[in-house]
Amino acid sequence: MSADAVRKQFHIKETHATVIAAERYMALAERTIAAARADVESHIACRPFFASSLEPLRIDMDAPDVVRRMAAAAALAGVGPMAAVAGTIAQVAVETLVASGARHVIVDNGGDVVLRIDRPVTVGIFTGPAQLRDIALRFEPRPGIFSVCTSSGTVGHSLSFGRADAAVVIAANGCLADAMATALGNRVGEAGEEAIGRAIRDSLSEQVEGMLVVAGNHVGMGGTLPPLVRAAVDTRIISQG
């Protein structure tokens, strides 16, 4: 992390987000995350089924932008809209900071990471109880925003119907990457090479850049991935949202 970037964690109710950016953007990041979360909460207060649905929902056009983006991503992935909540909030935060002039910003919202980077970044993949550990993806600078989101059936409290220790999706935005990671994880019914390969084939689409699945001592990859490198994953800095 360069001298002009700092790392801060924000805990806003159940949202535990880590932001890496220049210090001057931190207050804006916190306000943006809090506002996006408040929009989701207000929508749920009026429409409780939004929080519990495991299938895509049709959303009124007058719903908050963050809600409509969650629903759109969930529809593409075939999952409930809350499957995209963490990635969408991170996406909104990064977009806001970039619009305000940030050139290098990373938001990790509970393992769903959205980035706009101007220098190489290594993103560690936490694989929990899997035998394959200490792995990471090495990203070179790129001009736009992109996202790396992870779903797990063995780590954390997020709902997954699969057995993947880590189901990782890289896509152009956090809304879609988060929803697609949930869908990918749901498809990994057992920790074997055939099951992993089938889940990846069934999940790949033109909207997805790359996929990585770790289950037990098995790993599968699809699409286009950056270099996979060895890197110790420091659990003390993981955002557990």
Protein backbone atom coordinates (compact mmCIF):
# COMPACT_ATOMS: atom_id res chain seq x y z
CA MET A 1 0.00 0.00 0.00
CA SER A 2 1.55 3.31 -1.10
CA ALA A 3 2.13 6.36 1.07
CA ASP A 4 -0.95 8.20 -0.24
CA ALA A 5 -3.35 5.34 0.60
CA VAL A 6 -4.62 4.34 4.01
CA ARG A 7 -6.76 1.44 5.19
CA LYS A 8 -9.84 2.02 7.36
CA GLN A 9 -12.64 -0.23 8.54
CA PHE A 10 -16.20 1.00 8.89
CA HIS A 11 -18.77 -0.87 10.97
CA ILE A 12 -22.31 0.26 10.18
CA LYS A 13 -24.73 -2.20 11.78
CA GLU A 14 -24.11 -5.54 10.01
CA THR A 15 -21.94 -3.93 7.34
CA HIS A 16 -18.22 -4.34 8.02
CA ALA A 17 -16.34 -2.72 5.16
CA THR A 18 -12.65 -2.00 4.63
CA VAL A 19 -11.71 0.94 2.42
CA ILE A 20 -8.27 1.58 0.95
CA ALA A 21 -7.89 5.05 -0.53
CA ALA A 22 -6.33 8.42 0.15
CA GLU A 23 -7.26 9.77 3.58
CA ARG A 24 -9.23 12.67 2.13
CA TYR A 25 -11.84 10.29 0.67
CA MET A 26 -12.58 8.34 3.85
CA ALA A 27 -15.41 10.52 5.18
CA LEU A 28 -17.13 10.37 1.78
CA ALA A 29 -16.72 6.59 1.70
CA GLU A 30 -18.35 6.22 5.10
CA ARG A 31 -21.27 8.50 4.17
CA THR A 32 -21.82 6.70 0.88
CA ILE A 33 -21.82 3.23 2.44
CA ALA A 34 -24.18 4.36 5.19
CA ALA A 35 -26.56 6.01 2.69
CA ALA A 36 -26.65 2.96 0.42
CA ARG A 37 -27.34 0.69 3.36
CA ALA A 38 -30.11 3.02 4.56
CA ASP A 39 -31.77 2.88 1.13
CA VAL A 40 -31.82 -0.93 1.27
CA GLU A 41 -33.21 -0.88 4.81
CA SER A 42 -35.98 1.56 3.91
CA HIS A 43 -37.00 -0.60 0.95
CA ILE A 44 -37.09 -3.72 3.12
CA ALA A 45 -39.20 -1.92 5.72
CA CYS A 46 -41.90 -1.41 3.08
CA ARG A 47 -41.37 -4.71 1.24
CA PRO A 48 -40.06 -7.36 3.66
CA PHE A 49 -40.08 -10.04 0.96
CA PHE A 50 -37.13 -8.25 -0.66
CA ALA A 51 -34.94 -9.49 2.18
CA SER A 52 -36.14 -13.10 2.15
CA SER A 53 -36.66 -13.96 -1.51
CA LEU A 54 -34.31 -16.57 -2.92
CA GLU A 55 -35.45 -15.83 -6.47
CA PRO A 56 -35.26 -12.70 -8.64
CA LEU A 57 -37.91 -10.04 -8.01
CA ARG A 58 -39.47 -7.37 -10.18
CA ILE A 59 -38.76 -3.97 -8.69
CA ASP A 60 -40.66 -0.71 -9.16
CA MET A 61 -38.79 1.97 -11.06
CA ASP A 62 -39.22 4.36 -8.14
CA ALA A 63 -37.18 2.08 -5.85
CA PRO A 64 -33.77 3.42 -4.71
CA ASP A 65 -30.98 3.03 -7.26
CA VAL A 66 -29.04 0.58 -5.08
CA VAL A 67 -32.15 -1.64 -4.80
CA ARG A 68 -32.76 -1.62 -8.55
CA ARG A 69 -29.14 -2.51 -9.23
CA MET A 70 -29.28 -5.40 -6.78
CA ALA A 71 -32.45 -6.72 -8.41
CA ALA A 72 -31.03 -6.44 -11.93
CA ALA A 73 -27.88 -8.35 -11.03
CA ALA A 74 -29.87 -11.00 -9.17
CA ALA A 75 -32.10 -11.49 -12.22
CA LEU A 76 -29.07 -12.18 -14.41
CA ALA A 77 -27.69 -14.66 -11.87
CA GLY A 78 -31.01 -16.31 -11.00
CA VAL A 79 -30.79 -15.62 -7.27
CA GLY A 80 -32.55 -13.44 -4.70
CA PRO A 81 -31.65 -9.72 -4.66
CA MET A 82 -29.96 -9.80 -1.25
CA ALA A 83 -27.29 -12.01 -2.82
CA ALA A 84 -25.98 -8.82 -4.42
CA VAL A 85 -26.23 -6.43 -1.47
CA ALA A 86 -22.60 -6.36 -0.31
CA GLY A 87 -21.13 -6.07 -3.79
CA THR A 88 -23.60 -3.38 -4.81
CA ILE A 89 -22.88 -1.22 -1.78
CA ALA A 90 -19.14 -1.59 -2.45
CA GLN A 91 -19.72 -0.72 -6.11
CA VAL A 92 -21.62 2.46 -5.23
CA ALA A 93 -18.88 3.50 -2.82
CA VAL A 94 -16.09 3.02 -5.36
CA GLU A 95 -18.04 4.83 -8.09
CA THR A 96 -18.63 7.77 -5.76
CA LEU A 97 -14.98 8.06 -4.78
CA VAL A 98 -13.79 7.76 -8.38
CA ALA A 99 -16.25 10.47 -9.43
CA SER A 100 -14.73 12.64 -6.71
CA GLY A 101 -11.22 12.16 -8.08
CA ALA A 102 -9.87 9.00 -6.47
CA ARG A 103 -7.48 7.14 -8.76
CA HIS A 104 -6.81 4.18 -6.48
CA VAL A 105 -9.61 2.86 -4.29
CA ILE A 106 -10.55 -0.58 -2.97
CA VAL A 107 -13.67 -1.41 -0.98
CA ASP A 108 -13.95 -4.84 0.65
CA ASN A 109 -17.46 -5.43 1.96
CA GLY A 110 -17.43 -8.80 3.70
CA GLY A 111 -15.31 -10.53 1.06
CA ASP A 112 -16.91 -8.76 -1.89
CA VAL A 113 -14.24 -6.47 -3.28
CA VAL A 114 -14.63 -3.63 -5.78
CA LEU A 115 -11.52 -1.94 -7.14
CA ARG A 116 -10.27 0.91 -9.28
CA ILE A 117 -6.48 0.58 -9.20
CA ASP A 118 -3.53 2.47 -10.64
CA ARG A 119 -0.88 0.08 -9.28
CA PRO A 120 -0.59 -3.73 -8.96
CA VAL A 121 -2.79 -5.27 -6.28
CA THR A 122 -2.84 -8.78 -4.81
CA VAL A 123 -6.27 -9.96 -3.65
CA GLY A 124 -6.07 -12.86 -1.19
CA ILE A 125 -8.69 -15.61 -1.32
CA PHE A 126 -9.76 -16.88 2.10
CA THR A 127 -10.56 -20.59 1.70
CA GLY A 128 -11.48 -21.41 5.31
CA PRO A 129 -11.13 -25.13 6.07
CA ALA A 130 -9.96 -26.06 2.56
CA GLN A 131 -6.66 -27.87 2.18
CA LEU A 132 -5.65 -25.38 -0.51
CA ARG A 133 -4.72 -22.15 1.26
CA ASP A 134 -2.62 -19.01 0.98
CA ILE A 135 -3.59 -18.23 -2.60
CA ALA A 136 -4.26 -14.89 -4.20
CA LEU A 137 -4.99 -13.20 -7.52
CA ARG A 138 -2.49 -10.64 -8.80
CA PHE A 139 -4.11 -7.76 -10.71
CA GLU A 140 -2.27 -5.22 -12.81
CA PRO A 141 -3.61 -1.66 -13.14
CA ARG A 142 -6.57 -1.25 -15.48
CA PRO A 143 -8.54 1.83 -16.53
CA GLY A 144 -11.96 1.00 -15.11
CA ILE A 145 -13.72 -0.36 -12.05
CA PHE A 146 -13.93 -4.11 -11.59
CA SER A 147 -14.87 -6.53 -8.86
CA VAL A 148 -13.75 -9.76 -7.19
CA CYS A 149 -16.54 -11.35 -5.13
CA THR A 150 -16.51 -14.55 -3.12
CA SER A 151 -19.24 -16.85 -1.83
CA SER A 152 -18.69 -19.77 0.53
CA GLY A 153 -20.67 -22.66 1.91
CA THR A 154 -18.19 -23.17 4.76
CA VAL A 155 -17.08 -19.64 5.75
CA GLY A 156 -19.17 -16.78 7.10
CA HIS A 157 -22.89 -16.39 7.69
CA SER A 158 -24.09 -15.62 4.14
CA LEU A 159 -26.55 -18.15 2.76
CA SER A 160 -25.13 -20.71 0.33
CA PHE A 161 -26.62 -24.00 -0.80
CA GLY A 162 -23.28 -25.36 -2.00
CA ARG A 163 -20.14 -26.84 -0.52
CA ALA A 164 -17.49 -24.57 -1.99
CA ASP A 165 -14.95 -23.17 0.44
CA ALA A 166 -14.53 -20.27 -1.98
CA ALA A 167 -16.47 -19.49 -5.16
CA VAL A 168 -14.87 -16.43 -6.74
CA VAL A 169 -16.21 -14.36 -9.61
CA ILE A 170 -14.46 -11.50 -11.41
CA ALA A 171 -16.75 -9.12 -13.29
CA ALA A 172 -16.98 -5.51 -14.36
CA ASN A 173 -19.05 -4.48 -11.34
CA GLY A 174 -19.71 -5.64 -7.80
CA CYS A 175 -23.46 -5.97 -8.23
CA LEU A 176 -23.10 -8.72 -10.81
CA ALA A 177 -19.96 -10.33 -9.38
CA ASP A 178 -21.63 -10.74 -5.97
CA ALA A 179 -24.81 -12.28 -7.37
CA MET A 180 -22.88 -14.54 -9.74
CA ALA A 181 -20.57 -15.70 -6.94
CA THR A 182 -23.62 -16.80 -4.95
CA ALA A 183 -25.03 -18.64 -7.96
CA LEU A 184 -21.67 -20.32 -8.61
CA GLY A 185 -21.31 -21.38 -4.99
CA ASN A 186 -24.83 -22.79 -4.95
CA ARG A 187 -23.95 -25.05 -7.88
CA VAL A 188 -20.96 -26.69 -6.18
CA GLY A 189 -22.82 -29.60 -4.63
CA GLU A 190 -19.75 -31.62 -3.74
CA ALA A 191 -16.00 -31.13 -3.42
CA GLY A 192 -14.85 -32.93 -6.54
CA GLU A 193 -13.25 -31.90 -9.82
CA GLU A 194 -16.23 -32.98 -11.92
CA ALA A 195 -18.75 -31.11 -9.74
CA ILE A 196 -16.58 -27.98 -9.71
CA GLY A 197 -16.06 -28.05 -13.46
CA ARG A 198 -19.78 -28.49 -14.08
CA ALA A 199 -20.64 -25.60 -11.75
CA ILE A 200 -18.21 -23.32 -13.57
CA ARG A 201 -19.48 -24.31 -17.02
CA ASP A 202 -23.07 -23.70 -15.93
CA SER A 203 -22.19 -20.30 -14.46
CA LEU A 204 -19.94 -18.72 -17.09
CA SER A 205 -21.51 -16.00 -19.20
CA GLU A 206 -20.41 -13.08 -21.31
CA GLN A 207 -20.88 -10.79 -18.30
CA VAL A 208 -18.28 -12.72 -16.27
CA GLU A 209 -14.55 -12.25 -16.75
CA GLY A 210 -13.31 -15.21 -14.72
CA MET A 211 -14.20 -17.78 -12.06
CA LEU A 212 -12.26 -19.71 -9.43
CA VAL A 213 -13.61 -22.42 -7.12
CA VAL A 214 -11.84 -24.04 -4.19
CA ALA A 215 -13.49 -26.98 -2.43
CA GLY A 216 -11.43 -29.18 -0.13
CA ASN A 217 -8.26 -30.06 -2.04
CA HIS A 218 -9.84 -29.39 -5.44
CA VAL A 219 -9.67 -26.24 -7.52
CA GLY A 220 -11.34 -25.23 -10.77
CA MET A 221 -10.97 -22.21 -13.03
CA GLY A 222 -12.94 -20.72 -15.89
CA GLY A 223 -12.86 -17.68 -18.12
CA THR A 224 -9.88 -15.33 -17.93
CA LEU A 225 -8.05 -15.08 -14.61
CA PRO A 226 -5.03 -13.02 -13.58
CA PRO A 227 -1.97 -14.88 -12.27
CA LEU A 228 -2.63 -17.09 -9.24
CA VAL A 229 0.09 -16.49 -6.66
CA ARG A 230 1.03 -17.66 -3.19
CA ALA A 231 0.24 -15.13 -0.47
CA ALA A 232 -0.51 -15.56 3.20
CA VAL A 233 -4.06 -14.37 3.88
CA ASP A 234 -4.09 -12.25 7.04
CA THR A 235 -7.47 -12.99 8.64
CA ARG A 236 -7.06 -9.99 10.95
CA ILE A 237 -7.79 -7.58 8.07
CA ILE A 238 -10.65 -9.50 6.47
CA SER A 239 -13.92 -7.57 6.40
CA GLN A 240 -16.40 -9.99 7.93
CA GLY A 241 -19.68 -8.40 6.90
